[in-house]
Amino acid sequence: MIGRGSARAAIALALSILAATSGVVPVSAATPDPFMGSAWSQSIVLEYRWVAGAAPPTAIKTAITAAADDANASRRSKAPTFDYATDATNGIGYGLSAPCGVNGLGCFRRTVPTSFSVYLREHGHRFDWGTLRWCEIERVNGCYDAENITLDELGHVLGLDHHDNLPDESDYGDAVVQQYSRARPHDFYNAHVFGRCDWATLQQVYDVLTWSTLYSTCLDVPTELSISASRTAVVAGSVVTFTAVLGVNGTGRLSNNVASGRTVVLQQRVAGSWADVFTMVPGSSGTYSVGLTMRSTSDVRAVFRKPSGEGLRGSSSAAITVTVSAACTTTLCPQSTPGSTR
């Protein structure tokens, strides 16, 4: 992470960029962060300890620990989590020995699948643009938030490259993983959760955390909806159970997923037009079901409308025709038997 006060022409730290990238260069504000290098295994725990002889002061330790918790809580994916352990092989260090180049407030190394390290510069470090002040130690305008900077570096450890901002940086809040950090009191200087375009990439690379986890609005993921009926030929007044499955067909690990806990509506064709009948009840593994009393032959389908707060597209299932015959009204009607359709 480079200080916002440094020149735009400053070259980002070699430790903060890997030459080989597997992501696509963003072309708009609503594009996920690029991804660098290789991915860790899903859901593993990356343990860290303080580097011997370069342990941070208490206030910075607290900020780093909080940043690890922030990463864990806001990754919204099966990306690795971070945890402190005294016997860890990965180190987080602080101070004069930080190998962060000329303009770096913080830096990192990652060697997947074996190790990583993170360093922060010491409070009071002299740059060509001024003196580094950590807000956790000296809360003044112009200070940098160590928790935010650490979260940025941990995002790099997970594989996130710098977000590509619009020229006016109006989309700066879409990502924490930035090439240029902001100082207090500028907006987002103390952002403590991954932005929507950070966790969009984490979801593509590592998959969503659970089937009910919301997809980032920095994504535009196609969905597909199927429907089945317990019976397609019944007598009038019979109840037919309809079951829909909502699938997700995105890129990376977001292909062949299912989406649970959403709103799926059962529709019936009435006088040539589709009308909502019931909101289907969510089940497990992307299923939704509801029973409908059939009075006449009709077409039925399921609909998932694009949600306003999630990066999923809407979709509709194919229609199912349920044929309904008149109920028996004579005294010679056959008796119902177990398993029959009457």
Protein backbone atom coordinates (compact mmCIF):
# COMPACT_ATOMS: atom_id res chain seq x y z
CA MET A 1 0.00 0.00 0.00
CA ILE A 2 1.41 3.35 -1.07
CA GLY A 3 0.77 6.62 0.71
CA ARG A 4 -1.81 8.90 -0.91
CA GLY A 5 0.59 11.81 -0.60
CA SER A 6 3.20 10.19 -2.84
CA ALA A 7 3.33 11.00 -6.54
CA ARG A 8 1.04 9.11 -8.89
CA ALA A 9 4.08 8.13 -10.88
CA ALA A 10 5.57 6.21 -7.97
CA ILE A 11 6.07 2.58 -8.83
CA ALA A 12 4.17 0.14 -6.60
CA LEU A 13 6.30 -2.09 -4.41
CA ALA A 14 7.75 -5.17 -6.02
CA LEU A 15 6.62 -7.07 -2.96
CA SER A 16 3.05 -5.97 -3.58
CA ILE A 17 2.78 -7.06 -7.21
CA LEU A 18 3.35 -10.41 -8.84
CA ALA A 19 4.18 -10.37 -12.54
CA ALA A 20 1.88 -13.24 -13.50
CA THR A 21 -1.84 -12.58 -13.10
CA SER A 22 -4.79 -14.78 -13.82
CA GLY A 23 -7.47 -12.11 -13.64
CA VAL A 24 -8.88 -9.89 -16.36
CA VAL A 25 -8.00 -6.20 -16.27
CA PRO A 26 -11.07 -4.28 -15.03
CA VAL A 27 -12.77 -2.03 -17.55
CA SER A 28 -15.40 -0.40 -15.35
CA ALA A 29 -16.06 0.58 -11.76
CA ALA A 30 -18.29 -2.44 -11.29
CA THR A 31 -15.58 -4.94 -12.18
CA PRO A 32 -14.08 -7.25 -9.54
CA ASP A 33 -10.47 -6.74 -8.48
CA PRO A 34 -7.87 -8.48 -10.63
CA PHE A 35 -6.47 -11.67 -9.12
CA MET A 36 -2.75 -12.34 -8.95
CA GLY A 37 -0.90 -15.60 -9.04
CA SER A 38 -2.27 -18.77 -7.47
CA ALA A 39 -5.09 -19.37 -5.03
CA TRP A 40 -4.77 -21.00 -1.63
CA SER A 41 -6.89 -24.01 -0.81
CA GLN A 42 -10.46 -23.21 0.16
CA SER A 43 -11.29 -22.37 3.78
CA ILE A 44 -7.84 -23.09 5.21
CA VAL A 45 -6.52 -21.16 8.21
CA LEU A 46 -3.43 -19.03 7.56
CA GLU A 47 -1.71 -18.62 10.91
CA TYR A 48 0.69 -15.78 11.70
CA ARG A 49 2.98 -14.68 14.50
CA TRP A 50 4.94 -11.52 15.26
CA VAL A 51 8.33 -11.42 13.58
CA ALA A 52 11.10 -11.86 16.15
CA GLY A 53 12.75 -8.51 16.83
CA ALA A 54 10.11 -6.66 14.79
CA ALA A 55 6.96 -7.08 16.85
CA PRO A 56 4.55 -4.13 16.63
CA PRO A 57 3.70 -1.96 19.65
CA THR A 58 0.50 -2.86 21.47
CA ALA A 59 -1.71 -0.38 19.59
CA ILE A 60 -0.56 -1.70 16.21
CA LYS A 61 -0.86 -5.32 17.34
CA THR A 62 -4.47 -4.59 18.23
CA ALA A 63 -5.05 -3.02 14.80
CA ILE A 64 -3.48 -5.97 12.97
CA THR A 65 -5.51 -8.48 14.96
CA ALA A 66 -8.65 -6.48 14.21
CA ALA A 67 -7.76 -6.45 10.49
CA ALA A 68 -7.43 -10.24 10.50
CA ASP A 69 -10.88 -10.44 12.08
CA ASP A 70 -12.19 -7.96 9.48
CA ALA A 71 -10.87 -10.12 6.65
CA ASN A 72 -12.43 -13.23 8.16
CA ALA A 73 -15.80 -11.58 8.72
CA SER A 74 -16.13 -9.79 5.37
CA ARG A 75 -14.59 -12.25 2.90
CA ARG A 76 -18.07 -13.73 2.14
CA SER A 77 -16.37 -16.64 0.45
CA LYS A 78 -14.37 -19.78 1.13
CA ALA A 79 -11.17 -17.75 1.06
CA PRO A 80 -8.68 -18.60 3.83
CA THR A 81 -9.06 -17.07 7.27
CA PHE A 82 -6.30 -15.59 9.43
CA ASP A 83 -5.48 -16.49 13.02
CA TYR A 84 -2.64 -15.71 15.43
CA ALA A 85 -0.56 -18.63 16.72
CA THR A 86 2.72 -18.42 18.62
CA ASP A 87 4.16 -21.34 16.64
CA ALA A 88 3.07 -20.08 13.21
CA THR A 89 5.62 -20.04 10.40
CA ASN A 90 4.17 -16.92 8.73
CA GLY A 91 5.27 -13.59 10.15
CA ILE A 92 3.83 -10.10 10.52
CA GLY A 93 6.43 -7.49 11.32
CA TYR A 94 6.79 -3.78 11.99
CA GLY A 95 9.50 -1.17 12.00
CA LEU A 96 12.81 -0.27 10.44
CA SER A 97 13.37 -3.74 9.03
CA ALA A 98 10.17 -3.62 6.94
CA PRO A 99 11.23 -4.43 3.32
CA CYS A 100 8.64 -2.10 1.84
CA GLY A 101 10.59 -0.08 -0.68
CA VAL A 102 10.67 3.68 -0.93
CA ASN A 103 6.99 4.64 -0.67
CA GLY A 104 5.36 1.70 1.06
CA LEU A 105 3.30 2.10 4.20
CA GLY A 106 2.96 -1.68 4.22
CA CYS A 107 3.97 -4.63 2.05
CA PHE A 108 3.60 -8.37 1.75
CA ARG A 109 5.01 -11.57 0.31
CA ARG A 110 3.00 -14.62 -0.67
CA THR A 111 4.32 -17.99 -1.79
CA VAL A 112 1.31 -20.22 -2.36
CA PRO A 113 0.84 -22.79 -0.91
CA THR A 114 3.61 -22.48 1.67
CA SER A 115 3.95 -19.06 3.27
CA PHE A 116 3.23 -15.35 3.49
CA SER A 117 4.44 -12.31 5.39
CA VAL A 118 3.19 -8.78 6.03
CA TYR A 119 5.10 -5.72 7.24
CA LEU A 120 4.08 -2.22 8.35
CA ARG A 121 6.38 0.79 8.50
CA GLU A 122 7.19 2.27 11.89
CA HIS A 123 5.33 5.29 13.26
CA GLY A 124 7.37 8.40 12.48
CA HIS A 125 9.00 7.00 9.35
CA ARG A 126 10.20 9.80 7.06
CA PHE A 127 9.03 9.70 3.45
CA ASP A 128 9.74 12.27 0.76
CA TRP A 129 6.15 13.44 1.14
CA GLY A 130 6.19 13.70 4.94
CA THR A 131 6.14 11.72 8.16
CA LEU A 132 4.06 8.57 8.65
CA ARG A 133 1.60 8.79 11.53
CA TRP A 134 -0.50 5.79 12.51
CA CYS A 135 -3.93 6.92 13.74
CA GLU A 136 -3.88 4.22 16.41
CA ILE A 137 -0.87 5.98 17.95
CA GLU A 138 -1.42 9.62 17.01
CA ARG A 139 -4.94 10.46 15.86
CA VAL A 140 -4.41 13.60 13.81
CA ASN A 141 -5.44 14.67 10.33
CA GLY A 142 -3.01 13.11 7.89
CA CYS A 143 -2.60 9.90 9.90
CA TYR A 144 -3.11 6.47 8.34
CA ASP A 145 -5.31 3.76 9.79
CA ALA A 146 -3.16 0.69 10.49
CA GLU A 147 -6.20 -1.60 10.57
CA ASN A 148 -7.20 -0.46 7.07
CA ILE A 149 -3.67 -0.77 5.70
CA THR A 150 -3.29 -4.26 7.19
CA LEU A 151 -6.63 -5.35 5.72
CA ASP A 152 -5.36 -4.16 2.34
CA GLU A 153 -2.19 -6.26 2.70
CA LEU A 154 -4.14 -9.32 3.85
CA GLY A 155 -6.30 -8.92 0.74
CA HIS A 156 -3.08 -9.13 -1.29
CA VAL A 157 -2.10 -12.25 0.64
CA LEU A 158 -5.41 -13.81 -0.44
CA GLY A 159 -4.54 -12.93 -4.03
CA LEU A 160 -6.29 -9.62 -4.68
CA ASP A 161 -4.51 -7.10 -6.87
CA HIS A 162 -5.18 -3.36 -6.78
CA HIS A 163 -8.69 -2.24 -7.73
CA ASP A 164 -8.89 -0.20 -10.92
CA ASN A 165 -10.59 3.09 -10.02
CA LEU A 166 -12.31 5.65 -12.19
CA PRO A 167 -10.22 8.78 -12.87
CA ASP A 168 -12.19 10.74 -10.25
CA GLU A 169 -12.00 7.84 -7.75
CA SER A 170 -15.74 8.07 -7.13
CA ASP A 171 -15.71 4.28 -6.85
CA TYR A 172 -12.90 4.19 -4.28
CA GLY A 173 -15.23 2.68 -1.67
CA ASP A 174 -15.81 -0.38 -3.88
CA ALA A 175 -12.51 -1.85 -2.68
CA VAL A 176 -10.10 -1.76 0.24
CA VAL A 177 -7.28 -3.23 -1.85
CA GLN A 178 -5.98 -0.03 -3.40
CA GLN A 179 -2.65 1.11 -4.77
CA TYR A 180 -2.95 4.46 -3.01
CA SER A 181 -4.23 4.71 0.55
CA ARG A 182 -6.14 7.62 2.00
CA ALA A 183 -5.29 9.47 5.19
CA ARG A 184 -7.63 10.83 7.82
CA PRO A 185 -10.12 12.49 7.37
CA HIS A 186 -10.69 11.46 3.72
CA ASP A 187 -13.56 9.09 2.99
CA PHE A 188 -12.76 5.39 3.45
CA TYR A 189 -9.41 6.02 5.17
CA ASN A 190 -10.65 3.74 7.96
CA ALA A 191 -12.66 1.17 5.95
CA HIS A 192 -12.57 -2.05 7.98
CA VAL A 193 -14.41 -4.47 5.69
CA PHE A 194 -13.62 -5.70 2.20
CA GLY A 195 -15.42 -3.67 -0.46
CA ARG A 196 -17.92 -5.23 -2.83
CA CYS A 197 -15.36 -5.57 -5.63
CA ASP A 198 -12.84 -7.17 -3.25
CA TRP A 199 -15.15 -9.94 -2.14
CA ALA A 200 -16.53 -10.34 -5.65
CA THR A 201 -13.13 -11.66 -6.70
CA LEU A 202 -12.81 -13.77 -3.56
CA GLN A 203 -16.15 -15.36 -4.42
CA GLN A 204 -15.11 -16.08 -8.01
CA VAL A 205 -11.80 -17.61 -6.92
CA TYR A 206 -12.80 -19.40 -3.71
CA ASP A 207 -16.63 -19.77 -4.07
CA VAL A 208 -19.39 -18.35 -1.89
CA LEU A 209 -19.29 -19.25 1.79
CA THR A 210 -22.70 -20.98 1.82
CA TRP A 211 -25.54 -21.45 -0.67
CA SER A 212 -27.39 -18.59 1.06
CA THR A 213 -24.46 -16.13 0.97
CA LEU A 214 -25.31 -13.06 -1.09
CA TYR A 215 -23.37 -12.54 -4.32
CA SER A 216 -21.49 -9.26 -4.58
CA THR A 217 -23.20 -6.48 -6.51
CA CYS A 218 -19.86 -6.04 -8.30
CA LEU A 219 -20.85 -9.25 -10.12
CA ASP A 220 -23.55 -9.96 -12.70
CA VAL A 221 -24.05 -13.70 -12.41
CA PRO A 222 -26.55 -15.63 -14.59
CA THR A 223 -29.08 -17.90 -12.91
CA GLU A 224 -31.21 -20.75 -14.21
CA LEU A 225 -34.48 -22.00 -12.80
CA SER A 226 -36.06 -25.40 -13.26
CA ILE A 227 -39.40 -26.70 -11.99
CA SER A 228 -41.05 -30.08 -11.52
CA ALA A 229 -44.52 -31.18 -10.43
CA SER A 230 -45.56 -34.05 -8.22
CA ARG A 231 -48.27 -34.86 -10.80
CA THR A 232 -49.17 -33.48 -14.22
CA ALA A 233 -52.60 -35.12 -14.62
CA VAL A 234 -55.12 -34.81 -11.79
CA VAL A 235 -58.84 -34.42 -11.10
CA ALA A 236 -60.22 -31.02 -10.14
CA GLY A 237 -59.55 -30.09 -6.51
CA SER A 238 -56.33 -32.08 -6.25
CA VAL A 239 -53.22 -30.50 -4.74
CA VAL A 240 -50.06 -30.58 -6.84
CA THR A 241 -46.71 -29.85 -5.25
CA PHE A 242 -44.33 -27.83 -7.39
CA THR A 243 -40.59 -27.82 -6.69
CA ALA A 244 -38.16 -25.35 -8.24
CA VAL A 245 -34.36 -25.40 -8.17
CA LEU A 246 -32.45 -22.11 -8.50
CA GLY A 247 -29.03 -22.62 -10.05
CA VAL A 248 -26.12 -20.20 -10.50
CA ASN A 249 -23.95 -20.30 -13.61
CA GLY A 250 -21.14 -17.79 -13.15
CA THR A 251 -17.41 -17.90 -13.82
CA GLY A 252 -14.67 -19.54 -11.79
CA ARG A 253 -16.04 -21.38 -8.79
CA LEU A 254 -19.44 -19.73 -9.24
CA SER A 255 -20.46 -22.23 -11.92
CA ASN A 256 -22.87 -25.08 -11.15
CA ASN A 257 -23.86 -23.58 -7.80
CA VAL A 258 -27.32 -23.39 -6.28
CA ALA A 259 -28.81 -20.42 -4.43
CA SER A 260 -30.81 -20.94 -1.26
CA GLY A 261 -32.85 -18.49 0.77
CA ARG A 262 -33.93 -16.28 -2.14
CA THR A 263 -37.44 -15.31 -3.25
CA VAL A 264 -38.92 -17.55 -5.94
CA VAL A 265 -42.52 -17.04 -7.06
CA LEU A 266 -44.92 -19.59 -8.55
CA GLN A 267 -46.89 -18.19 -11.48
CA GLN A 268 -49.95 -19.52 -13.29
CA ARG A 269 -51.06 -18.56 -16.79
CA VAL A 270 -54.44 -16.87 -16.56
CA ALA A 271 -56.24 -15.64 -19.69
CA GLY A 272 -52.99 -15.71 -21.62
CA SER A 273 -50.97 -13.75 -19.05
CA TRP A 274 -48.73 -14.87 -16.19
CA ALA A 275 -49.87 -14.01 -12.66
CA ASP A 276 -48.14 -14.55 -9.33
CA VAL A 277 -49.85 -17.20 -7.23
CA PHE A 278 -47.60 -17.99 -4.27
CA THR A 279 -44.14 -17.25 -2.95
CA MET A 280 -42.48 -20.65 -2.84
CA VAL A 281 -41.05 -21.93 0.44
CA PRO A 282 -37.23 -22.16 0.45
CA GLY A 283 -35.76 -25.56 1.23
CA SER A 284 -32.21 -26.91 1.21
CA SER A 285 -29.74 -26.94 -1.68
CA GLY A 286 -31.48 -24.29 -3.74
CA THR A 287 -34.96 -25.85 -3.70
CA TYR A 288 -38.27 -24.02 -3.37
CA SER A 289 -41.68 -25.68 -3.15
CA VAL A 290 -45.36 -24.99 -2.73
CA GLY A 291 -48.68 -26.87 -3.09
CA LEU A 292 -51.37 -25.56 -5.43
CA THR A 293 -54.99 -26.75 -5.65
CA MET A 294 -55.74 -27.30 -9.32
CA ARG A 295 -59.24 -26.40 -10.57
CA SER A 296 -58.65 -26.48 -14.30
CA THR A 297 -55.96 -27.32 -16.82
CA SER A 298 -53.28 -24.62 -16.77
CA ASP A 299 -49.61 -23.78 -17.24
CA VAL A 300 -47.40 -23.11 -14.25
CA ARG A 301 -43.83 -21.79 -13.96
CA ALA A 302 -41.37 -20.44 -11.37
CA VAL A 303 -39.83 -16.96 -11.50
CA PHE A 304 -36.76 -15.49 -9.76
CA ARG A 305 -36.66 -11.72 -10.08
CA LYS A 306 -33.31 -9.92 -10.03
CA PRO A 307 -32.75 -8.75 -6.45
CA SER A 308 -31.76 -5.13 -5.84
CA GLY A 309 -29.01 -5.93 -3.35
CA GLU A 310 -27.27 -8.85 -5.01
CA GLY A 311 -25.30 -9.54 -8.17
CA LEU A 312 -27.58 -12.25 -9.55
CA ARG A 313 -29.67 -12.03 -12.72
CA GLY A 314 -33.32 -12.98 -12.78
CA SER A 315 -34.62 -16.06 -14.55
CA SER A 316 -37.78 -18.04 -15.28
CA SER A 317 -38.33 -21.76 -15.58
CA ALA A 318 -39.94 -23.50 -18.49
CA ALA A 319 -43.70 -23.93 -18.12
CA ILE A 320 -45.35 -27.14 -16.93
CA THR A 321 -48.86 -28.01 -18.10
CA VAL A 322 -51.05 -29.72 -15.52
CA THR A 323 -54.05 -31.41 -17.06
CA VAL A 324 -57.15 -31.34 -14.87
CA SER A 325 -60.18 -33.57 -15.48
CA ALA A 326 -63.58 -33.22 -13.85
CA ALA A 327 -64.02 -34.83 -10.46
CA CYS A 328 -66.20 -37.96 -10.31
CA THR A 329 -69.74 -37.13 -9.06
CA THR A 330 -71.62 -40.42 -9.55
CA THR A 331 -72.35 -43.11 -6.97
CA LEU A 332 -70.22 -45.57 -8.98
CA CYS A 333 -66.94 -43.70 -8.51
CA PRO A 334 -64.01 -45.95 -7.56
CA GLN A 335 -62.77 -45.79 -3.97
CA SER A 336 -59.49 -43.99 -3.31
CA THR A 337 -56.60 -46.32 -2.62
CA PRO A 338 -53.18 -45.61 -1.14
CA GLY A 339 -50.89 -44.16 -3.79
CA SER A 340 -53.72 -43.35 -6.19
CA THR A 341 -54.12 -39.97 -7.85
CA ARG A 342 -57.71 -39.53 -6.62
